[in-house]
Amino acid sequence: MQQGRHPDRSSTRSRTVLAAGTLAALLVLSGCGAGDSADSKGAARDNAEYAAPGAERGAAGAADQGSAESGSAEKKKPSALSAPHVIRKASLSVEVKSVPKAVAAARAAVDSAGGLVASESTERLDDTHEASHIVLRVPQGEYEAVLQELAGGGKLLSRTTTAKDVTDQVVDVESRIATQRASVTRVRKLMDRADKLADVVTLEGELSNRQAELESLLAQQESLKDRTTLATITLSLSEPESASNGKDDDPGFLDALGGGWHAFVTTVRWIAMAVGAAAPFLAAAAGLLLLGRLLRTWLARRRVTQEPQASQPDERVPAAPEAPTAP
């Protein structure tokens, strides 16, 4: 009896194990299905919540993402094929015989190359020396030629050149401008289709932000274009010290003659100044002397005319009769 019961027990155990495995498999499958349905429901709910208040904004954002990806893809293509964009700058310090003539020559060189003078500053150091500081803008193709011409106009004291490759920055700005323009166009189309006031207000704010960013990118592009199209050359011109400074230690006959003449002229000038200062007083004194002399002459003449008139009555007095003489 016991031996007959063993096969029943083993078959019962196998059936139990099989049932437990089937139940576990069903539980796993049902759990996965429930998780997937919950995830799909949550995603659908999130999408509905996002799309309900602003369908236009969501569409614009999705379109911007697509355009950004396409813009980045396009940016990678021309970066390898576009011409290099380089910002070149140079600084020259040259000693020349005449600063005005050197400035005129620099202007002529820049004009012939198709460039321009951005700024110019000239100052007089003393009675005989001048210095000038000029900022020149020349096309990239004429940069080296103009630089050599300016450096050969006198004695080169110093020279500094720099070059910065901004090709990647130029391509990036161009790609961002294209993307931003497409984004502005899409927002305007969405504004035309918007019916609710809230959507119109939201889209207007979005349009203002994107237009401001587009204008900023356009300004960056213009600045890069200007700096990569025209190179900048800063030219400093100065005159050498006068050669007469070396002769002061060993004067000669001409120096002595010049010094004597200078002293003579200075003395005459001071005498003339003294005479000029004293002239009014001398004129007044001469006038007083002349007036005194005239007054003295007039008085003398008056005395002469008065003396005869005083002596005439004495002469007219009759003489006393003489006494008769005795016979």
Protein backbone atom coordinates (compact mmCIF):
# COMPACT_ATOMS: atom_id res chain seq x y z
CA MET A 1 0.00 0.00 0.00
CA GLN A 2 2.72 2.41 0.83
CA GLN A 3 4.57 1.65 -2.36
CA GLY A 4 1.41 2.32 -4.39
CA ARG A 5 0.91 5.73 -2.82
CA HIS A 6 4.35 7.16 -3.80
CA PRO A 7 3.51 7.66 -7.52
CA ASP A 8 0.39 9.64 -6.57
CA ARG A 9 2.34 11.94 -4.29
CA SER A 10 4.99 12.69 -6.94
CA SER A 11 2.36 13.46 -9.57
CA THR A 12 0.55 15.73 -7.13
CA ARG A 13 3.74 17.67 -6.42
CA SER A 14 4.50 18.11 -10.11
CA ARG A 15 1.01 19.42 -10.74
CA THR A 16 1.37 21.85 -7.85
CA VAL A 17 4.68 23.19 -9.13
CA LEU A 18 3.26 23.61 -12.64
CA ALA A 19 0.24 25.50 -11.33
CA ALA A 20 2.44 27.80 -9.22
CA GLY A 21 4.68 28.60 -12.23
CA THR A 22 1.66 29.36 -14.41
CA LEU A 23 0.22 31.66 -11.76
CA ALA A 24 3.50 33.52 -11.37
CA ALA A 25 3.77 34.03 -15.13
CA LEU A 26 0.25 35.43 -15.26
CA LEU A 27 1.01 37.82 -12.42
CA VAL A 28 4.15 39.08 -14.15
CA LEU A 29 2.34 39.62 -17.44
CA SER A 30 -0.55 41.41 -15.79
CA GLY A 31 1.82 43.63 -13.82
CA CYS A 32 3.74 44.63 -16.96
CA GLY A 33 0.52 45.36 -18.80
CA ALA A 34 -0.78 47.48 -15.96
CA GLY A 35 2.53 49.38 -15.73
CA ASP A 36 2.54 50.05 -19.46
CA SER A 37 -1.07 51.21 -19.44
CA ALA A 38 -0.39 53.44 -16.42
CA ASP A 39 2.65 54.94 -18.13
CA SER A 40 0.76 55.52 -21.34
CA LYS A 41 -2.12 57.08 -19.43
CA GLY A 42 0.25 59.36 -17.48
CA ALA A 43 2.04 60.43 -20.65
CA ALA A 44 -1.26 61.07 -22.38
CA ARG A 45 -2.46 63.08 -19.40
CA ASP A 46 0.75 65.14 -19.36
CA ASN A 47 0.50 65.79 -23.06
CA ALA A 48 -3.12 66.80 -22.74
CA GLU A 49 -2.34 69.16 -19.86
CA TYR A 50 0.49 70.76 -21.83
CA ALA A 51 -1.43 71.04 -25.08
CA ALA A 52 -4.70 72.26 -23.61
CA PRO A 53 -3.74 75.83 -22.49
CA GLY A 54 -1.32 76.56 -25.30
CA ALA A 55 -1.36 74.31 -28.30
CA GLU A 56 0.27 76.95 -30.39
CA ARG A 57 3.21 77.34 -27.98
CA GLY A 58 3.76 73.59 -27.91
CA ALA A 59 3.73 73.45 -31.68
CA ALA A 60 6.18 76.31 -31.91
CA GLY A 61 8.48 74.64 -29.39
CA ALA A 62 8.43 71.33 -31.22
CA ALA A 63 9.07 73.07 -34.50
CA ASP A 64 11.93 75.03 -32.93
CA GLN A 65 13.49 71.83 -31.65
CA GLY A 66 13.29 70.31 -35.10
CA SER A 67 14.69 73.39 -36.73
CA ALA A 68 17.47 73.56 -34.14
CA GLU A 69 18.45 69.98 -34.93
CA SER A 70 18.36 70.70 -38.65
CA GLY A 71 20.27 73.94 -38.06
CA SER A 72 22.97 72.11 -36.12
CA ALA A 73 23.19 69.55 -38.88
CA GLU A 74 23.49 72.30 -41.46
CA LYS A 75 26.08 74.07 -39.35
CA LYS A 76 28.32 71.02 -39.41
CA LYS A 77 28.21 70.88 -43.19
CA PRO A 78 29.40 74.42 -44.13
CA SER A 79 31.97 74.58 -41.30
CA ALA A 80 34.22 72.30 -43.30
CA LEU A 81 33.64 74.01 -46.63
CA SER A 82 33.28 77.71 -45.75
CA ALA A 83 36.21 80.09 -46.17
CA PRO A 84 38.12 80.94 -42.99
CA HIS A 85 37.14 84.09 -41.14
CA VAL A 86 40.12 85.73 -39.40
CA ILE A 87 40.37 88.92 -37.35
CA ARG A 88 43.74 90.55 -38.00
CA LYS A 89 45.29 93.38 -36.01
CA ALA A 90 48.69 95.09 -36.21
CA SER A 91 50.49 97.81 -34.29
CA LEU A 92 53.40 99.80 -35.81
CA SER A 93 55.70 102.41 -34.30
CA VAL A 94 57.72 104.30 -36.95
CA GLU A 95 60.17 107.19 -36.68
CA VAL A 96 59.92 109.60 -39.62
CA LYS A 97 61.53 112.89 -40.62
CA SER A 98 58.22 114.73 -40.99
CA VAL A 99 55.04 113.58 -39.26
CA PRO A 100 52.63 115.59 -41.49
CA LYS A 101 54.15 114.08 -44.64
CA ALA A 102 54.04 110.57 -43.15
CA VAL A 103 50.37 111.02 -42.18
CA ALA A 104 49.54 112.13 -45.72
CA ALA A 105 51.40 109.10 -47.14
CA ALA A 106 49.52 106.75 -44.80
CA ARG A 107 46.20 108.24 -45.85
CA ALA A 108 47.09 107.83 -49.52
CA ALA A 109 48.11 104.18 -48.99
CA VAL A 110 44.86 103.37 -47.19
CA ASP A 111 42.71 105.15 -49.78
CA SER A 112 44.42 103.31 -52.64
CA ALA A 113 43.79 99.99 -50.86
CA GLY A 114 40.10 100.76 -50.41
CA GLY A 115 40.28 101.27 -46.65
CA LEU A 116 39.53 104.13 -44.30
CA VAL A 117 41.01 106.13 -41.42
CA ALA A 118 39.06 105.23 -38.28
CA SER A 119 40.70 107.82 -35.99
CA GLU A 120 43.64 110.22 -35.92
CA SER A 121 45.33 112.14 -33.11
CA THR A 122 48.27 114.52 -33.61
CA GLU A 123 50.04 116.53 -30.92
CA ARG A 124 52.96 118.96 -30.90
CA LEU A 125 55.62 118.01 -28.38
CA ASP A 126 57.62 121.24 -28.72
CA ASP A 127 58.34 123.95 -31.29
CA THR A 128 59.91 121.51 -33.77
CA HIS A 129 58.58 118.01 -32.94
CA GLU A 130 55.20 116.35 -33.57
CA ALA A 131 53.71 112.91 -32.87
CA SER A 132 50.68 111.24 -34.41
CA HIS A 133 48.52 108.20 -33.56
CA ILE A 134 46.35 106.79 -36.40
CA VAL A 135 43.95 103.82 -36.53
CA LEU A 136 43.53 102.45 -40.06
CA ARG A 137 41.05 99.89 -41.45
CA VAL A 138 42.10 98.07 -44.64
CA PRO A 139 40.63 95.09 -46.55
CA GLN A 140 42.02 91.68 -45.67
CA GLY A 141 43.44 91.20 -49.15
CA GLU A 142 45.50 94.41 -48.94
CA TYR A 143 46.54 93.96 -45.32
CA GLU A 144 50.08 92.69 -45.86
CA ALA A 145 50.87 95.16 -48.67
CA VAL A 146 49.71 98.18 -46.68
CA LEU A 147 51.56 96.93 -43.61
CA GLN A 148 54.82 96.66 -45.55
CA GLU A 149 54.34 100.11 -47.08
CA LEU A 150 53.70 101.75 -43.73
CA ALA A 151 56.65 100.00 -42.09
CA GLY A 152 58.97 101.14 -44.90
CA GLY A 153 58.03 104.82 -44.58
CA GLY A 154 60.70 105.44 -41.94
CA LYS A 155 62.69 103.79 -39.17
CA LEU A 156 60.66 100.89 -37.74
CA LEU A 157 60.79 100.98 -33.93
CA SER A 158 58.31 98.19 -33.12
CA ARG A 159 55.81 95.89 -34.84
CA THR A 160 53.12 93.63 -33.37
CA THR A 161 50.60 91.49 -35.31
CA THR A 162 47.82 89.17 -34.17
CA ALA A 163 45.37 86.86 -36.02
CA LYS A 164 42.31 85.17 -34.52
CA ASP A 165 40.26 82.55 -36.39
CA VAL A 166 36.52 83.02 -35.73
CA THR A 167 35.15 80.76 -38.48
CA ASP A 168 33.25 78.53 -36.04
CA GLN A 169 31.73 81.57 -34.36
CA VAL A 170 30.60 83.03 -37.69
CA VAL A 171 29.01 79.77 -38.81
CA ASP A 172 27.31 79.32 -35.44
CA VAL A 173 25.82 82.82 -35.53
CA GLU A 174 24.59 82.35 -39.10
CA SER A 175 22.90 79.06 -38.16
CA ARG A 176 21.27 80.59 -35.09
CA ILE A 177 20.01 83.53 -37.15
CA ALA A 178 18.39 81.19 -39.67
CA THR A 179 16.76 79.19 -36.89
CA GLN A 180 15.56 82.30 -35.09
CA ARG A 181 14.06 83.78 -38.26
CA ALA A 182 12.13 80.58 -38.91
CA SER A 183 10.95 80.61 -35.30
CA VAL A 184 9.70 84.19 -35.58
CA THR A 185 7.84 83.31 -38.77
CA ARG A 186 6.14 80.33 -37.11
CA VAL A 187 5.07 82.36 -34.08
CA ARG A 188 3.52 84.97 -36.38
CA LYS A 189 1.58 82.27 -38.21
CA LEU A 190 0.35 80.89 -34.89
CA MET A 191 -0.77 84.39 -33.89
CA ASP A 192 -2.84 84.58 -37.07
CA ARG A 193 -4.61 81.32 -36.17
CA ALA A 194 -5.06 82.08 -32.45
CA ASP A 195 -8.64 82.75 -31.31
CA LYS A 196 -8.34 83.17 -27.54
CA LEU A 197 -7.09 86.41 -26.03
CA ALA A 198 -4.83 84.58 -23.59
CA ASP A 199 -3.15 82.72 -26.43
CA VAL A 200 -2.65 85.96 -28.36
CA VAL A 201 -1.04 87.67 -25.34
CA THR A 202 1.24 84.68 -24.73
CA LEU A 203 2.29 84.52 -28.35
CA GLU A 204 2.97 88.27 -28.48
CA GLY A 205 5.34 88.00 -25.52
CA GLU A 206 7.05 85.02 -27.13
CA LEU A 207 7.36 86.93 -30.41
CA SER A 208 8.94 89.93 -28.69
CA ASN A 209 11.52 87.74 -26.96
CA ARG A 210 12.44 85.96 -30.17
CA GLN A 211 12.69 89.17 -32.16
CA ALA A 212 14.99 90.68 -29.49
CA GLU A 213 17.22 87.60 -29.66
CA LEU A 214 17.21 87.79 -33.46
CA GLU A 215 18.31 91.45 -33.38
CA SER A 216 21.11 90.58 -30.95
CA LEU A 217 22.31 87.82 -33.27
CA LEU A 218 22.19 90.18 -36.26
CA ALA A 219 24.31 92.72 -34.35
CA GLN A 220 26.86 89.98 -33.56
CA GLN A 221 26.93 88.97 -37.20
CA GLU A 222 27.49 92.58 -38.33
CA SER A 223 30.32 93.03 -35.84
CA LEU A 224 32.00 89.81 -36.94
CA LYS A 225 31.60 90.76 -40.60
CA ASP A 226 33.20 94.16 -40.02
CA ARG A 227 36.16 92.75 -38.08
CA THR A 228 36.78 89.89 -40.50
CA THR A 229 36.37 92.01 -43.64
CA LEU A 230 38.62 94.91 -42.57
CA ALA A 231 41.89 94.47 -40.70
CA THR A 232 42.93 97.04 -38.09
CA ILE A 233 46.34 98.75 -38.17
CA THR A 234 47.39 101.12 -35.38
CA LEU A 235 50.19 103.42 -36.56
CA SER A 236 52.29 105.59 -34.21
CA LEU A 237 54.50 108.22 -35.87
CA SER A 238 57.23 110.25 -34.18
CA GLU A 239 60.09 112.52 -35.23
CA PRO A 240 63.76 112.06 -34.22
CA GLU A 241 65.44 114.45 -31.85
CA SER A 242 67.05 117.50 -33.43
CA ALA A 243 70.66 117.04 -34.58
CA SER A 244 71.65 120.43 -33.15
CA ASN A 245 71.52 118.96 -29.65
CA GLY A 246 74.87 117.28 -30.26
CA LYS A 247 76.59 120.48 -31.33
CA ASP A 248 75.83 122.35 -28.11
CA ASP A 249 78.75 120.63 -26.38
CA ASP A 250 81.29 121.96 -28.93
CA PRO A 251 80.28 125.45 -30.13
CA GLY A 252 82.09 127.05 -33.07
CA PHE A 253 82.55 130.48 -34.65
CA LEU A 254 79.09 130.50 -36.17
CA ASP A 255 77.56 129.55 -32.83
CA ALA A 256 79.46 132.43 -31.16
CA LEU A 257 78.45 134.83 -33.93
CA GLY A 258 74.85 133.74 -33.59
CA GLY A 259 75.00 134.14 -29.82
CA GLY A 260 76.53 137.64 -30.14
CA TRP A 261 73.95 138.70 -32.67
CA HIS A 262 71.21 137.37 -30.46
CA ALA A 263 72.63 139.34 -27.49
CA PHE A 264 72.91 142.51 -29.61
CA VAL A 265 69.36 142.18 -30.86
CA THR A 266 68.16 141.54 -27.34
CA THR A 267 70.00 144.63 -26.05
CA VAL A 268 68.63 146.85 -28.79
CA ARG A 269 65.18 145.49 -28.12
CA TRP A 270 65.44 146.28 -24.42
CA ILE A 271 66.77 149.78 -25.15
CA ALA A 272 63.93 150.39 -27.57
CA MET A 273 61.49 149.19 -24.97
CA ALA A 274 63.04 151.53 -22.38
CA VAL A 275 62.92 154.47 -24.78
CA GLY A 276 59.36 153.68 -25.67
CA ALA A 277 58.42 153.50 -22.01
CA ALA A 278 60.19 156.83 -21.25
CA ALA A 279 59.01 158.65 -24.38
CA PRO A 280 55.83 160.07 -22.81
CA PHE A 281 57.78 161.45 -19.88
CA LEU A 282 60.49 162.91 -22.15
CA ALA A 283 57.86 164.55 -24.33
CA ALA A 284 56.23 166.11 -21.29
CA ALA A 285 59.57 167.35 -19.99
CA ALA A 286 60.47 168.83 -23.38
CA GLY A 287 57.14 170.61 -23.51
CA LEU A 288 57.69 172.08 -20.07
CA LEU A 289 61.19 173.25 -20.99
CA LEU A 290 59.93 174.90 -24.16
CA LEU A 291 57.13 176.58 -22.27
CA GLY A 292 59.55 177.85 -19.65
CA ARG A 293 61.89 179.23 -22.30
CA LEU A 294 59.06 181.01 -24.04
CA LEU A 295 57.90 182.46 -20.76
CA ARG A 296 61.41 183.64 -19.91
CA THR A 297 61.80 185.32 -23.32
CA TRP A 298 58.48 187.08 -22.97
CA LEU A 299 59.39 188.38 -19.52
CA ALA A 300 62.75 189.61 -20.75
CA ARG A 301 61.17 191.49 -23.60
CA ARG A 302 58.67 193.08 -21.28
CA ARG A 303 61.38 194.35 -19.01
CA VAL A 304 63.25 195.87 -21.92
CA THR A 305 60.15 197.78 -23.04
CA GLN A 306 59.38 199.03 -19.53
CA GLU A 307 62.87 200.42 -18.72
CA PRO A 308 62.92 203.17 -21.47
CA GLN A 309 59.48 204.33 -20.42
CA ALA A 310 60.70 204.77 -16.85
CA SER A 311 63.79 206.78 -17.86
CA GLN A 312 62.05 209.25 -20.22
CA PRO A 313 60.46 211.60 -17.50
CA ASP A 314 63.86 212.30 -15.93
CA GLU A 315 65.24 213.49 -19.22
CA ARG A 316 62.36 215.91 -19.81
CA VAL A 317 62.89 217.82 -16.45
CA PRO A 318 64.15 221.35 -17.33
CA ALA A 319 67.61 222.17 -16.19
CA ALA A 320 68.11 224.84 -13.54
CA PRO A 321 69.11 228.28 -14.88
CA GLU A 322 72.73 228.96 -14.66
CA ALA A 323 73.82 231.87 -12.48
CA PRO A 324 74.98 234.92 -14.36
CA THR A 325 78.63 235.40 -14.38
CA ALA A 326 80.17 238.65 -13.25
CA PRO A 327 81.53 240.95 -15.85
